N, C-alpha and C. Protein backbone atom coordinates (compact mmCIF):
# COMPACT_ATOMS: atom_id res chain seq x y z
N UNK A 1 -49.13 69.31 64.99
CA UNK A 1 -47.87 69.80 64.39
C UNK A 1 -47.96 70.51 63.08
N UNK A 2 -47.20 72.02 63.34
CA UNK A 2 -47.37 72.67 61.88
C UNK A 2 -45.70 73.35 61.60
N UNK A 3 -45.54 72.46 60.31
CA UNK A 3 -44.03 73.05 59.93
C UNK A 3 -43.86 73.99 58.89
N UNK A 4 -43.37 75.06 58.97
CA UNK A 4 -43.45 76.37 57.90
C UNK A 4 -42.26 76.36 57.24
N UNK A 5 -42.22 76.47 56.01
CA UNK A 5 -40.83 76.38 55.20
C UNK A 5 -40.70 78.10 54.76
N UNK A 6 -39.80 78.39 54.78
CA UNK A 6 -39.83 79.72 54.16
C UNK A 6 -38.93 80.20 53.14
N UNK A 7 -39.42 80.75 51.82
CA UNK A 7 -38.53 81.07 50.71
C UNK A 7 -38.35 82.41 50.92
N UNK A 8 -37.04 82.71 50.30
CA UNK A 8 -36.72 84.14 50.14
C UNK A 8 -36.66 84.39 48.35
N UNK A 9 -37.47 85.44 48.33
CA UNK A 9 -37.60 85.88 46.90
C UNK A 9 -36.12 87.06 46.14
N UNK A 10 -35.38 87.33 47.34
CA UNK A 10 -34.41 88.19 46.99
C UNK A 10 -33.67 88.07 46.41
N UNK A 11 -33.14 88.79 45.20
CA UNK A 11 -32.01 88.32 44.51
C UNK A 11 -30.53 88.27 45.07
N UNK A 12 -29.73 87.51 44.43
CA UNK A 12 -28.28 87.10 44.96
C UNK A 12 -27.72 88.84 44.73
N UNK A 13 -27.12 89.09 45.88
CA UNK A 13 -26.38 90.72 45.47
C UNK A 13 -25.43 90.61 44.81
N UNK A 14 -24.57 89.32 44.57
CA UNK A 14 -23.80 89.25 43.50
C UNK A 14 -24.16 89.11 41.97
N UNK A 15 -25.64 88.99 41.78
CA UNK A 15 -25.60 88.74 40.41
C UNK A 15 -25.56 90.12 39.60
N UNK A 16 -25.60 89.79 38.50
CA UNK A 16 -25.27 91.21 37.76
C UNK A 16 -26.39 91.65 37.50
N UNK A 17 -26.73 93.02 37.75
CA UNK A 17 -28.17 93.75 37.23
C UNK A 17 -27.82 94.77 36.50
N UNK A 18 -26.87 94.48 35.65
CA UNK A 18 -26.40 95.26 34.43
C UNK A 18 -26.07 94.75 32.98
N UNK A 19 -26.38 95.36 31.71
CA UNK A 19 -25.64 94.96 30.93
C UNK A 19 -24.66 95.66 30.24
N UNK A 20 -23.64 94.77 29.73
CA UNK A 20 -22.58 95.36 28.88
C UNK A 20 -22.86 95.85 27.77
N UNK A 21 -22.80 97.14 27.31
CA UNK A 21 -23.26 97.55 25.80
C UNK A 21 -21.86 98.11 25.51
N UNK A 22 -21.68 97.62 24.29
CA UNK A 22 -19.99 98.12 23.75
C UNK A 22 -20.40 98.43 22.14
N UNK A 23 -19.70 99.90 21.64
CA UNK A 23 -20.07 100.38 20.41
C UNK A 23 -18.51 100.13 20.13
N UNK A 24 -18.71 99.83 18.75
CA UNK A 24 -17.25 99.49 18.15
C UNK A 24 -17.35 100.03 16.62
N UNK A 25 -16.09 100.12 16.30
CA UNK A 25 -15.66 101.03 14.88
C UNK A 25 -14.57 99.75 14.73
N UNK A 26 -14.82 98.86 13.58
CA UNK A 26 -13.87 97.89 13.20
C UNK A 26 -13.01 98.94 11.83
N UNK A 27 -11.75 99.03 12.12
CA UNK A 27 -10.70 99.47 11.45
C UNK A 27 -10.41 101.10 11.69
N UNK A 28 -10.86 101.44 12.91
CA UNK A 28 -10.62 102.94 13.09
C UNK A 28 -9.28 103.28 12.77
N UNK A 29 -9.38 104.53 12.31
CA UNK A 29 -8.11 105.20 11.84
C UNK A 29 -8.58 106.60 11.79
N UNK A 30 -7.62 107.54 11.30
CA UNK A 30 -7.63 108.86 11.09
C UNK A 30 -8.66 109.47 10.45
N UNK A 31 -9.17 108.49 9.57
CA UNK A 31 -10.44 108.96 8.62
C UNK A 31 -11.88 109.04 9.39
N UNK A 32 -11.50 108.32 10.69
CA UNK A 32 -13.01 108.51 11.56
C UNK A 32 -13.03 109.75 11.94
N UNK A 33 -13.82 110.79 11.90
CA UNK A 33 -13.62 112.17 12.33
C UNK A 33 -14.90 112.69 13.41
N UNK A 34 -15.57 111.67 13.50
CA UNK A 34 -16.89 112.61 14.69
C UNK A 34 -17.73 111.39 14.91
N UNK A 35 -18.17 111.13 16.16
CA UNK A 35 -19.21 110.18 16.86
C UNK A 35 -19.91 110.81 17.58
N UNK A 36 -21.27 110.19 17.42
CA UNK A 36 -22.26 110.52 18.21
C UNK A 36 -22.75 109.07 18.98
N UNK A 37 -22.90 108.93 20.44
CA UNK A 37 -23.28 107.64 20.90
C UNK A 37 -24.16 108.21 22.31
N UNK A 38 -24.99 107.28 22.68
CA UNK A 38 -25.64 107.48 24.09
C UNK A 38 -24.96 106.85 24.99
N UNK A 39 -24.33 107.48 25.89
CA UNK A 39 -23.86 107.05 27.43
C UNK A 39 -24.79 106.43 28.16
N UNK A 40 -24.25 105.79 29.29
CA UNK A 40 -24.73 104.78 30.13
C UNK A 40 -26.06 105.25 30.48
N UNK A 41 -26.17 106.87 30.77
CA UNK A 41 -27.23 107.53 31.38
C UNK A 41 -28.38 107.87 30.21
N UNK A 42 -28.02 107.54 29.05
CA UNK A 42 -28.85 107.44 27.74
C UNK A 42 -28.70 109.20 27.42
N UNK A 43 -27.55 109.77 27.55
CA UNK A 43 -27.21 111.11 27.07
C UNK A 43 -26.66 111.11 25.79
N UNK A 44 -27.02 111.85 25.18
CA UNK A 44 -26.14 111.69 23.48
C UNK A 44 -24.76 112.58 23.70
N UNK A 45 -23.91 111.72 23.40
CA UNK A 45 -22.40 112.71 23.64
C UNK A 45 -21.81 112.51 22.12
N UNK A 46 -21.50 113.81 21.68
CA UNK A 46 -20.60 114.31 20.64
C UNK A 46 -19.30 114.44 20.90
N UNK A 47 -18.62 113.71 19.72
CA UNK A 47 -16.91 113.90 20.11
C UNK A 47 -16.25 113.67 18.88
N UNK A 48 -15.02 114.42 18.46
CA UNK A 48 -14.32 114.07 17.57
C UNK A 48 -12.80 113.31 17.85
N UNK A 49 -12.88 112.80 19.37
CA UNK A 49 -12.15 112.21 19.77
C UNK A 49 -11.93 110.37 19.74
N UNK A 50 -11.13 110.25 18.76
CA UNK A 50 -11.18 108.81 18.73
C UNK A 50 -10.48 108.35 19.59
N UNK A 51 -9.77 109.03 20.59
CA UNK A 51 -9.57 108.02 21.80
C UNK A 51 -10.33 107.35 22.98
N UNK A 52 -11.50 108.01 22.71
CA UNK A 52 -12.54 107.47 23.56
C UNK A 52 -12.77 106.01 23.07
N UNK A 53 -12.67 105.52 22.14
CA UNK A 53 -12.88 104.56 21.43
C UNK A 53 -11.19 103.80 21.35
N UNK A 54 -10.85 103.17 22.38
CA UNK A 54 -9.63 102.54 22.33
C UNK A 54 -9.33 101.38 21.94
N UNK A 55 -8.85 101.32 20.58
CA UNK A 55 -8.97 99.97 20.07
C UNK A 55 -9.95 99.86 19.27
N UNK A 56 -11.02 100.93 19.01
CA UNK A 56 -11.97 101.08 18.20
C UNK A 56 -13.46 100.69 18.84
N UNK A 57 -13.25 100.63 20.13
CA UNK A 57 -14.26 99.97 21.38
C UNK A 57 -14.60 101.06 22.31
N UNK A 58 -15.91 101.11 22.68
CA UNK A 58 -16.30 101.80 23.98
C UNK A 58 -17.24 100.80 24.49
N UNK A 59 -17.00 100.80 25.68
CA UNK A 59 -17.82 99.66 26.69
C UNK A 59 -18.44 100.71 27.84
N UNK A 60 -19.85 100.38 28.10
CA UNK A 60 -20.45 101.06 29.20
C UNK A 60 -21.31 100.09 29.91
N UNK A 61 -21.38 100.49 31.26
CA UNK A 61 -22.40 99.25 32.18
C UNK A 61 -23.89 99.78 31.86
N UNK A 62 -24.68 99.56 31.73
CA UNK A 62 -26.30 100.02 31.90
C UNK A 62 -26.84 99.28 32.46
N UNK A 63 -27.70 99.91 33.21
CA UNK A 63 -28.14 99.17 34.39
C UNK A 63 -30.05 99.46 34.28
N UNK A 64 -30.62 100.73 33.57
CA UNK A 64 -31.57 101.29 33.01
C UNK A 64 -32.04 100.72 32.03
N UNK A 65 -33.28 100.03 32.02
CA UNK A 65 -34.17 99.47 31.11
C UNK A 65 -35.50 100.07 30.56
N UNK A 66 -36.16 100.45 29.71
CA UNK A 66 -35.63 100.30 28.46
C UNK A 66 -34.22 101.37 28.20
N UNK A 67 -33.01 100.85 27.51
CA UNK A 67 -32.08 101.59 27.26
C UNK A 67 -31.91 101.90 25.28
N UNK A 68 -31.67 102.72 25.03
CA UNK A 68 -31.69 103.26 23.52
C UNK A 68 -30.07 103.11 23.28
N UNK A 69 -29.37 101.99 22.65
CA UNK A 69 -27.77 102.24 22.40
C UNK A 69 -28.05 102.54 20.98
N UNK A 70 -27.43 103.91 20.74
CA UNK A 70 -27.04 104.37 19.47
C UNK A 70 -26.01 105.02 19.14
N UNK A 71 -25.27 104.76 17.73
CA UNK A 71 -23.98 105.18 17.54
C UNK A 71 -23.85 106.06 16.06
N UNK A 72 -23.42 107.11 15.86
CA UNK A 72 -23.58 107.39 14.50
C UNK A 72 -21.82 107.93 14.24
N UNK A 73 -21.42 107.69 13.12
CA UNK A 73 -20.25 107.99 12.95
C UNK A 73 -19.91 108.38 11.41
N UNK A 74 -19.06 109.67 11.87
CA UNK A 74 -18.93 110.27 10.21
C UNK A 74 -17.22 109.72 9.92
N UNK A 75 -17.02 109.41 8.57
CA UNK A 75 -15.84 109.10 8.03
C UNK A 75 -15.37 110.43 7.15
N UNK A 76 -14.17 110.63 7.00
CA UNK A 76 -13.94 111.66 5.73
C UNK A 76 -12.63 111.13 5.01
N UNK A 77 -12.55 110.53 3.98
CA UNK A 77 -11.75 109.53 3.26
C UNK A 77 -10.76 110.45 2.82
N UNK A 78 -9.39 110.57 3.23
CA UNK A 78 -8.42 111.34 2.63
C UNK A 78 -7.67 111.02 1.65
N UNK A 79 -7.78 109.62 1.26
CA UNK A 79 -7.16 108.57 0.60
C UNK A 79 -7.55 108.45 -0.93
N UNK A 80 -6.59 107.95 -1.92
CA UNK A 80 -7.11 107.59 -2.96
C UNK A 80 -7.55 106.54 -3.20
N UNK A 81 -7.53 105.46 -2.04
CA UNK A 81 -8.25 104.28 -2.04
C UNK A 81 -9.58 104.15 -1.47
N UNK A 82 -10.68 103.13 -2.07
CA UNK A 82 -11.73 103.29 -1.10
C UNK A 82 -11.85 102.48 0.20
N UNK A 83 -12.12 102.82 1.36
CA UNK A 83 -11.78 102.52 2.46
C UNK A 83 -13.34 101.46 2.97
N UNK A 84 -13.10 100.57 3.93
CA UNK A 84 -14.57 99.74 4.47
C UNK A 84 -14.43 99.84 5.86
N UNK A 85 -15.38 99.84 6.56
CA UNK A 85 -15.37 99.81 8.22
C UNK A 85 -16.82 99.45 8.23
N UNK A 86 -17.01 99.08 9.47
CA UNK A 86 -18.14 98.32 10.10
C UNK A 86 -17.94 98.81 11.61
N UNK A 87 -19.46 99.43 11.77
CA UNK A 87 -19.84 99.45 13.09
C UNK A 87 -21.09 98.85 13.74
N UNK A 88 -20.77 98.56 14.87
CA UNK A 88 -21.73 97.56 15.54
C UNK A 88 -21.86 98.05 16.97
N UNK A 89 -23.11 97.38 17.56
CA UNK A 89 -23.42 97.48 18.96
C UNK A 89 -23.41 95.99 19.60
N UNK A 90 -22.91 95.71 20.58
CA UNK A 90 -22.70 94.48 21.04
C UNK A 90 -23.39 94.68 22.48
N UNK A 91 -23.90 93.33 22.65
CA UNK A 91 -24.66 93.60 24.51
C UNK A 91 -24.30 92.42 24.83
N UNK A 92 -23.51 92.63 25.68
CA UNK A 92 -22.87 91.45 26.67
C UNK A 92 -21.98 90.58 25.53
N UNK A 93 -21.44 91.22 24.77
CA UNK A 93 -20.30 90.54 23.79
C UNK A 93 -21.25 90.15 22.63
N UNK A 94 -22.30 89.96 22.40
CA UNK A 94 -22.99 89.52 21.52
C UNK A 94 -23.62 90.48 20.28
N UNK A 95 -23.08 90.53 19.14
CA UNK A 95 -23.52 91.42 18.03
C UNK A 95 -25.32 91.66 18.15
N UNK A 96 -25.64 92.99 18.14
CA UNK A 96 -27.42 93.28 18.31
C UNK A 96 -27.49 94.07 16.88
N UNK A 97 -26.71 94.72 16.17
CA UNK A 97 -26.91 95.95 15.40
C UNK A 97 -25.40 96.00 14.72
N UNK A 98 -25.54 95.91 13.33
CA UNK A 98 -24.57 96.06 12.54
C UNK A 98 -24.40 96.82 10.99
N UNK A 99 -23.50 97.79 10.82
CA UNK A 99 -23.51 98.39 9.57
C UNK A 99 -22.06 98.28 9.10
N UNK A 100 -22.10 97.89 7.43
CA UNK A 100 -20.97 98.20 7.03
C UNK A 100 -21.03 99.76 5.91
N UNK A 101 -19.73 100.45 6.01
CA UNK A 101 -20.17 101.49 5.41
C UNK A 101 -18.63 101.40 4.43
N UNK A 102 -19.01 101.83 3.33
CA UNK A 102 -17.85 102.12 2.26
C UNK A 102 -17.66 103.66 2.07
N UNK A 103 -16.43 104.00 2.05
CA UNK A 103 -15.94 105.26 1.65
C UNK A 103 -15.28 105.43 0.61
N UNK A 104 -16.11 106.08 -0.36
CA UNK A 104 -15.16 105.94 -1.78
C UNK A 104 -14.29 107.28 -1.45
N UNK A 105 -13.07 107.24 -1.95
CA UNK A 105 -11.52 108.57 -2.14
C UNK A 105 -12.39 109.85 -2.07
N UNK A 106 -11.93 110.60 -0.99
CA UNK A 106 -11.97 111.63 -0.98
C UNK A 106 -13.47 112.26 -0.66
N UNK A 107 -14.11 111.42 0.12
CA UNK A 107 -15.77 111.49 0.32
C UNK A 107 -15.84 111.42 1.59
N UNK A 108 -17.10 112.23 2.04
CA UNK A 108 -17.61 112.06 3.44
C UNK A 108 -18.55 111.01 3.58
N UNK A 109 -18.50 109.90 4.48
CA UNK A 109 -19.44 109.35 4.55
C UNK A 109 -19.94 108.94 6.10
N UNK A 110 -21.17 107.96 6.16
CA UNK A 110 -21.28 108.00 7.54
C UNK A 110 -22.12 106.78 7.79
N UNK A 111 -22.34 106.45 9.14
CA UNK A 111 -23.08 105.02 9.17
C UNK A 111 -23.87 105.05 10.51
N UNK A 112 -24.96 104.50 10.89
CA UNK A 112 -25.25 104.61 12.32
C UNK A 112 -25.89 103.30 12.70
N UNK A 113 -26.06 103.05 13.79
CA UNK A 113 -26.72 101.74 14.31
C UNK A 113 -27.39 102.00 15.64
N UNK A 114 -28.50 101.39 15.94
CA UNK A 114 -29.01 101.48 17.10
C UNK A 114 -30.06 100.01 17.60
N UNK A 115 -29.90 100.03 19.05
CA UNK A 115 -30.54 98.66 19.51
C UNK A 115 -31.12 99.33 20.90
N UNK A 116 -32.40 98.76 21.44
CA UNK A 116 -33.06 99.21 22.46
C UNK A 116 -33.20 98.07 23.48
N UNK A 117 -32.74 97.85 24.52
CA UNK A 117 -32.76 96.92 25.56
C UNK A 117 -33.86 97.07 26.26
N UNK A 118 -34.82 95.87 26.06
CA UNK A 118 -35.89 96.08 26.79
C UNK A 118 -35.93 95.51 28.17
């Protein structure tokens, strides 16, 4: 008598096959004047629309690997005070790349972060 046991190597269809990439600009305000980031397809997006970063955050679902998460932010401090910002990339809620940006009064400053999903 022969017994056969079969095992399936198929993935559970409910298993997540994507990563959540979040671009974050802490303390976002009117002094954030320009942003460049890679969208979920890896395409470069350039914008001055802060509305794309509701509450300072832009979340994407990414299923392609490798994926290069990149964000560049330009600030123009129009006030007499020095301002501080933090920009970062989070993967599934976990910080992966962070930069602090100091903006002296009446100066254009910038910051950029990058992280590659393998």
